[in-house]
PDB file of all heavy atoms in Angstrom:
ATOM      1  N   LYS A   1      33.234  75.530  18.517  1.00  0.00           N
ATOM      2  CA  LYS A   1      32.967  74.986  17.190  1.00  0.00           C
ATOM      3  C   LYS A   1      32.824  73.475  17.229  1.00  0.00           C
ATOM      4  O   LYS A   1      32.085  72.879  16.431  1.00  0.00           O
ATOM      5  CB  LYS A   1      34.118  75.420  16.257  1.00  0.00           C
ATOM      6  CG  LYS A   1      34.050  74.817  14.857  1.00  0.00           C
ATOM      7  CD  LYS A   1      32.766  75.219  14.137  1.00  0.00           C
ATOM      8  CE  LYS A   1      32.684  74.599  12.740  1.00  0.00           C
ATOM      9  NZ  LYS A   1      31.404  74.798  12.109  1.00  0.00           N
ATOM     10  N   LYS A   2      33.520  72.867  18.168  1.00  0.00           N
ATOM     11  CA  LYS A   2      33.435  71.413  18.250  1.00  0.00           C
ATOM     12  C   LYS A   2      32.036  70.935  18.627  1.00  0.00           C
ATOM     13  O   LYS A   2      31.689  69.779  18.386  1.00  0.00           O
ATOM     14  CB  LYS A   2      34.442  70.907  19.298  1.00  0.00           C
ATOM     15  CG  LYS A   2      35.899  71.168  18.916  1.00  0.00           C
ATOM     16  CD  LYS A   2      36.825  70.684  20.023  1.00  0.00           C
ATOM     17  CE  LYS A   2      38.308  70.964  19.676  1.00  0.00           C
ATOM     18  NZ  LYS A   2      39.225  70.484  20.744  1.00  0.00           N
ATOM     19  N   TYR A   3      31.241  71.801  19.222  1.00  0.00           N
ATOM     20  CA  TYR A   3      29.920  71.408  19.704  1.00  0.00           C
ATOM     21  C   TYR A   3      28.764  71.932  18.856  1.00  0.00           C
ATOM     22  O   TYR A   3      27.596  71.770  19.241  1.00  0.00           O
ATOM     23  CB  TYR A   3      29.740  71.870  21.157  1.00  0.00           C
ATOM     24  CG  TYR A   3      30.830  71.350  22.083  1.00  0.00           C
ATOM     25  CD1 TYR A   3      31.878  72.185  22.504  1.00  0.00           C
ATOM     26  CD2 TYR A   3      30.813  70.026  22.519  1.00  0.00           C
ATOM     27  CE1 TYR A   3      32.885  71.699  23.339  1.00  0.00           C
ATOM     28  CE2 TYR A   3      31.836  69.553  23.352  1.00  0.00           C
ATOM     29  CZ  TYR A   3      32.852  70.386  23.752  1.00  0.00           C
ATOM     30  OH  TYR A   3      33.844  69.903  24.565  1.00  0.00           O
ATOM     31  N   THR A   4      29.039  72.598  17.798  1.00  0.00           N
ATOM     32  CA  THR A   4      27.970  73.141  16.948  1.00  0.00           C
ATOM     33  C   THR A   4      28.356  73.038  15.488  1.00  0.00           C
ATOM     34  O   THR A   4      29.551  73.060  15.149  1.00  0.00           O
ATOM     35  CB  THR A   4      27.672  74.615  17.307  1.00  0.00           C
ATOM     36  OG1 THR A   4      26.601  75.066  16.458  1.00  0.00           O
ATOM     37  CG2 THR A   4      28.886  75.498  17.089  1.00  0.00           C
ATOM     38  N   ASN A   5      27.365  72.918  14.660  1.00  0.00           N
ATOM     39  CA  ASN A   5      27.589  72.853  13.205  1.00  0.00           C
ATOM     40  C   ASN A   5      27.463  74.218  12.543  1.00  0.00           C
ATOM     41  O   ASN A   5      27.583  74.319  11.314  1.00  0.00           O
ATOM     42  CB  ASN A   5      26.582  71.895  12.565  1.00  0.00           C
ATOM     43  CG  ASN A   5      26.794  70.448  12.992  1.00  0.00           C
ATOM     44  OD1 ASN A   5      27.938  70.027  13.210  1.00  0.00           O
ATOM     45  ND2 ASN A   5      25.703  69.701  13.125  1.00  0.00           N
ATOM     46  N   GLN A   6      27.159  75.214  13.332  1.00  0.00           N
ATOM     47  CA  GLN A   6      26.956  76.524  12.756  1.00  0.00           C
ATOM     48  C   GLN A   6      28.296  77.202  12.475  1.00  0.00           C
ATOM     49  O   GLN A   6      29.311  76.935  13.111  1.00  0.00           O
ATOM     50  CB  GLN A   6      26.120  77.397  13.722  1.00  0.00           C
ATOM     51  CG  GLN A   6      24.882  76.708  14.254  1.00  0.00           C
ATOM     52  CD  GLN A   6      23.963  76.208  13.155  1.00  0.00           C
ATOM     53  OE1 GLN A   6      23.970  76.746  12.061  1.00  0.00           O
ATOM     54  NE2 GLN A   6      23.203  75.163  13.453  1.00  0.00           N
ATOM     55  N   ARG A   7      28.285  78.104  11.478  1.00  0.00           N
ATOM     56  CA  ARG A   7      29.466  78.901  11.136  1.00  0.00           C
ATOM     57  C   ARG A   7      29.598  80.037  12.170  1.00  0.00           C
ATOM     58  O   ARG A   7      28.674  80.802  12.351  1.00  0.00           O
ATOM     59  CB  ARG A   7      29.320  79.461   9.732  1.00  0.00           C
ATOM     60  CG  ARG A   7      30.504  80.326   9.299  1.00  0.00           C
ATOM     61  CD  ARG A   7      30.249  80.877   7.901  1.00  0.00           C
ATOM     62  NE  ARG A   7      31.298  81.774   7.475  1.00  0.00           N
ATOM     63  CZ  ARG A   7      31.317  82.429   6.317  1.00  0.00           C
ATOM     64  NH1 ARG A   7      30.271  82.264   5.460  1.00  0.00           N
ATOM     65  NH2 ARG A   7      32.301  83.231   5.990  1.00  0.00           N
ATOM     66  N   ILE A   8      30.784  80.103  12.779  1.00  0.00           N
ATOM     67  CA  ILE A   8      31.035  81.119  13.824  1.00  0.00           C
ATOM     68  C   ILE A   8      32.047  82.121  13.281  1.00  0.00           C
ATOM     69  O   ILE A   8      33.086  81.725  12.731  1.00  0.00           O
ATOM     70  CB  ILE A   8      31.580  80.477  15.115  1.00  0.00           C
ATOM     71  CG1 ILE A   8      30.570  79.443  15.634  1.00  0.00           C
ATOM     72  CG2 ILE A   8      31.894  81.525  16.164  1.00  0.00           C
ATOM     73  CD1 ILE A   8      31.074  78.659  16.815  1.00  0.00           C
ATOM     74  N   THR A   9      31.687  83.382  13.430  1.00  0.00           N
ATOM     75  CA  THR A   9      32.594  84.456  12.979  1.00  0.00           C
ATOM     76  C   THR A   9      32.746  85.478  14.117  1.00  0.00           C
ATOM     77  O   THR A   9      31.746  85.875  14.729  1.00  0.00           O
ATOM     78  CB  THR A   9      32.033  85.159  11.732  1.00  0.00           C
ATOM     79  OG1 THR A   9      31.775  84.168  10.723  1.00  0.00           O
ATOM     80  CG2 THR A   9      33.019  86.196  11.206  1.00  0.00           C
ATOM     81  N   LEU A  10      34.038  85.908  14.364  1.00  0.00           N
ATOM     82  CA  LEU A  10      34.308  86.964  15.346  1.00  0.00           C
ATOM     83  C   LEU A  10      34.759  88.202  14.593  1.00  0.00           C
ATOM     84  O   LEU A  10      35.665  88.126  13.740  1.00  0.00           O
ATOM     85  CB  LEU A  10      35.391  86.517  16.328  1.00  0.00           C
ATOM     86  CG  LEU A  10      35.044  85.323  17.234  1.00  0.00           C
ATOM     87  CD1 LEU A  10      36.240  84.956  18.100  1.00  0.00           C
ATOM     88  CD2 LEU A  10      33.838  85.641  18.098  1.00  0.00           C
ATOM     89  N   ILE A  11      34.112  89.325  14.856  1.00  0.00           N
ATOM     90  CA  ILE A  11      34.386  90.585  14.154  1.00  0.00           C
ATOM     91  C   ILE A  11      34.627  91.660  15.212  1.00  0.00           C
ATOM     92  O   ILE A  11      33.874  91.766  16.185  1.00  0.00           O
ATOM     93  CB  ILE A  11      33.208  90.987  13.255  1.00  0.00           C
ATOM     94  CG1 ILE A  11      32.844  89.829  12.295  1.00  0.00           C
ATOM     95  CG2 ILE A  11      33.515  92.250  12.471  1.00  0.00           C
ATOM     96  CD1 ILE A  11      31.535  90.028  11.568  1.00  0.00           C
ATOM     97  N   ASP A  12      35.708  92.452  14.958  1.00  0.00           N
ATOM     98  CA  ASP A  12      35.921  93.552  15.904  1.00  0.00           C
ATOM     99  C   ASP A  12      35.064  94.733  15.510  1.00  0.00           C
ATOM    100  O   ASP A  12      34.373  94.693  14.490  1.00  0.00           O
ATOM    101  CB  ASP A  12      37.417  93.925  15.969  1.00  0.00           C
ATOM    102  CG  ASP A  12      37.943  94.426  14.621  1.00  0.00           C
ATOM    103  OD1 ASP A  12      37.086  94.751  13.738  1.00  0.00           O
ATOM    104  OD2 ASP A  12      39.153  94.472  14.420  1.00  0.00           O
ATOM    105  N   LEU A  13      35.109  95.779  16.307  1.00  0.00           N
ATOM    106  CA  LEU A  13      34.233  96.928  16.068  1.00  0.00           C
ATOM    107  C   LEU A  13      34.614  97.701  14.817  1.00  0.00           C
ATOM    108  O   LEU A  13      33.816  98.490  14.311  1.00  0.00           O
ATOM    109  CB  LEU A  13      34.255  97.864  17.292  1.00  0.00           C
ATOM    110  CG  LEU A  13      33.721  97.247  18.595  1.00  0.00           C
ATOM    111  CD1 LEU A  13      33.799  98.270  19.736  1.00  0.00           C
ATOM    112  CD2 LEU A  13      32.306  96.755  18.419  1.00  0.00           C
ATOM    113  N   ALA A  14      35.819  97.468  14.314  1.00  0.00           N
ATOM    114  CA  ALA A  14      36.222  98.141  13.079  1.00  0.00           C
ATOM    115  C   ALA A  14      35.747  97.381  11.859  1.00  0.00           C
ATOM    116  O   ALA A  14      35.933  97.821  10.724  1.00  0.00           O
ATOM    117  CB  ALA A  14      37.744  98.286  13.042  1.00  0.00           C
ATOM    118  N   GLY A  15      35.178  96.186  12.041  1.00  0.00           N
ATOM    119  CA  GLY A  15      34.661  95.394  10.929  1.00  0.00           C
ATOM    120  C   GLY A  15      35.634  94.352  10.466  1.00  0.00           C
ATOM    121  O   GLY A  15      35.363  93.630   9.495  1.00  0.00           O
ATOM    122  N   THR A  16      36.784  94.211  11.144  1.00  0.00           N
ATOM    123  CA  THR A  16      37.782  93.231  10.732  1.00  0.00           C
ATOM    124  C   THR A  16      37.384  91.877  11.273  1.00  0.00           C
ATOM    125  O   THR A  16      37.008  91.745  12.440  1.00  0.00           O
ATOM    126  CB  THR A  16      39.168  93.634  11.253  1.00  0.00           C
ATOM    127  OG1 THR A  16      39.479  94.934  10.747  1.00  0.00           O
ATOM    128  CG2 THR A  16      40.213  92.651  10.783  1.00  0.00           C
ATOM    129  N   VAL A  17      37.475  90.851  10.397  1.00  0.00           N
ATOM    130  CA  VAL A  17      37.134  89.482  10.791  1.00  0.00           C
ATOM    131  C   VAL A  17      38.320  88.910  11.544  1.00  0.00           C
ATOM    132  O   VAL A  17      39.414  88.758  10.972  1.00  0.00           O
ATOM    133  CB  VAL A  17      36.786  88.614   9.573  1.00  0.00           C
ATOM    134  CG1 VAL A  17      36.518  87.173  10.009  1.00  0.00           C
ATOM    135  CG2 VAL A  17      35.587  89.176   8.829  1.00  0.00           C
ATOM    136  N   ILE A  18      38.162  88.625  12.825  1.00  0.00           N
ATOM    137  CA  ILE A  18      39.199  88.053  13.657  1.00  0.00           C
ATOM    138  C   ILE A  18      39.261  86.549  13.458  1.00  0.00           C
ATOM    139  O   ILE A  18      40.349  85.964  13.395  1.00  0.00           O
ATOM    140  CB  ILE A  18      38.963  88.404  15.149  1.00  0.00           C
ATOM    141  CG1 ILE A  18      38.829  89.917  15.349  1.00  0.00           C
ATOM    142  CG2 ILE A  18      40.091  87.850  16.018  1.00  0.00           C
ATOM    143  CD1 ILE A  18      40.040  90.713  14.885  1.00  0.00           C
ATOM    144  N   TYR A  19      38.011  85.912  13.304  1.00  0.00           N
ATOM    145  CA  TYR A  19      37.988  84.463  13.177  1.00  0.00           C
ATOM    146  C   TYR A  19      36.724  84.081  12.405  1.00  0.00           C
ATOM    147  O   TYR A  19      35.643  84.646  12.604  1.00  0.00           O
ATOM    148  CB  TYR A  19      37.982  83.803  14.573  1.00  0.00           C
ATOM    149  CG  TYR A  19      37.701  82.323  14.533  1.00  0.00           C
ATOM    150  CD1 TYR A  19      38.688  81.406  14.132  1.00  0.00           C
ATOM    151  CD2 TYR A  19      36.431  81.838  14.882  1.00  0.00           C
ATOM    152  CE1 TYR A  19      38.418  80.048  14.099  1.00  0.00           C
ATOM    153  CE2 TYR A  19      36.171  80.483  14.855  1.00  0.00           C
ATOM    154  CZ  TYR A  19      37.166  79.585  14.449  1.00  0.00           C
ATOM    155  OH  TYR A  19      36.882  78.234  14.412  1.00  0.00           O
ATOM    156  N   ASP A  20      36.886  83.094  11.522  1.00  0.00           N
ATOM    157  CA  ASP A  20      35.736  82.547  10.786  1.00  0.00           C
ATOM    158  C   ASP A  20      35.938  81.050  10.706  1.00  0.00           C
ATOM    159  O   ASP A  20      36.954  80.584  10.173  1.00  0.00           O
ATOM    160  CB  ASP A  20      35.623  83.140   9.384  1.00  0.00           C
ATOM    161  CG  ASP A  20      34.280  82.816   8.752  1.00  0.00           C
ATOM    162  OD1 ASP A  20      33.927  81.604   8.596  1.00  0.00           O
ATOM    163  OD2 ASP A  20      33.514  83.743   8.382  1.00  0.00           O
ATOM    164  N   SER A  21      34.971  80.277  11.254  1.00  0.00           N
ATOM    165  CA  SER A  21      35.149  78.828  11.350  1.00  0.00           C
ATOM    166  C   SER A  21      35.093  78.141   9.981  1.00  0.00           C
ATOM    167  O   SER A  21      35.544  77.007   9.838  1.00  0.00           O
ATOM    168  CB  SER A  21      34.056  78.226  12.250  1.00  0.00           C
ATOM    169  OG  SER A  21      32.771  78.481  11.716  1.00  0.00           O
ATOM    170  N   SER A  22      34.578  78.803   8.967  1.00  0.00           N
ATOM    171  CA  SER A  22      34.485  78.185   7.643  1.00  0.00           C
ATOM    172  C   SER A  22      35.621  78.586   6.731  1.00  0.00           C
ATOM    173  O   SER A  22      35.823  77.965   5.676  1.00  0.00           O
ATOM    174  CB  SER A  22      33.158  78.572   6.980  1.00  0.00           C
ATOM    175  OG  SER A  22      32.063  78.094   7.731  1.00  0.00           O
ATOM    176  N   ILE A  23      36.390  79.657   7.076  1.00  0.00           N
ATOM    177  CA  ILE A  23      37.474  80.143   6.232  1.00  0.00           C
ATOM    178  C   ILE A  23      38.752  80.114   7.060  1.00  0.00           C
ATOM    179  O   ILE A  23      38.828  80.771   8.089  1.00  0.00           O
ATOM    180  CB  ILE A  23      37.204  81.580   5.746  1.00  0.00           C
ATOM    181  CG1 ILE A  23      35.824  81.663   5.037  1.00  0.00           C
ATOM    182  CG2 ILE A  23      38.301  82.028   4.787  1.00  0.00           C
ATOM    183  CD1 ILE A  23      35.719  80.793   3.813  1.00  0.00           C
ATOM    184  N   ASP A  24      39.747  79.354   6.594  1.00  0.00           N
ATOM    185  CA  ASP A  24      41.017  79.237   7.320  1.00  0.00           C
ATOM    186  C   ASP A  24      42.099  80.004   6.566  1.00  0.00           C
ATOM    187  O   ASP A  24      42.316  79.753   5.359  1.00  0.00           O
ATOM    188  CB  ASP A  24      41.431  77.767   7.457  1.00  0.00           C
ATOM    189  CG  ASP A  24      40.456  76.995   8.344  1.00  0.00           C
ATOM    190  OD1 ASP A  24      39.842  77.619   9.222  1.00  0.00           O
ATOM    191  OD2 ASP A  24      40.284  75.771   8.103  1.00  0.00           O
TER     192      ASP A  24
END
């Protein structure tokens, strides 16, 4: 995230959001 301005989201196969760079 430190090197990009894009929003990064990690989602598991069940659809649960593990990480979202715009939502803390």
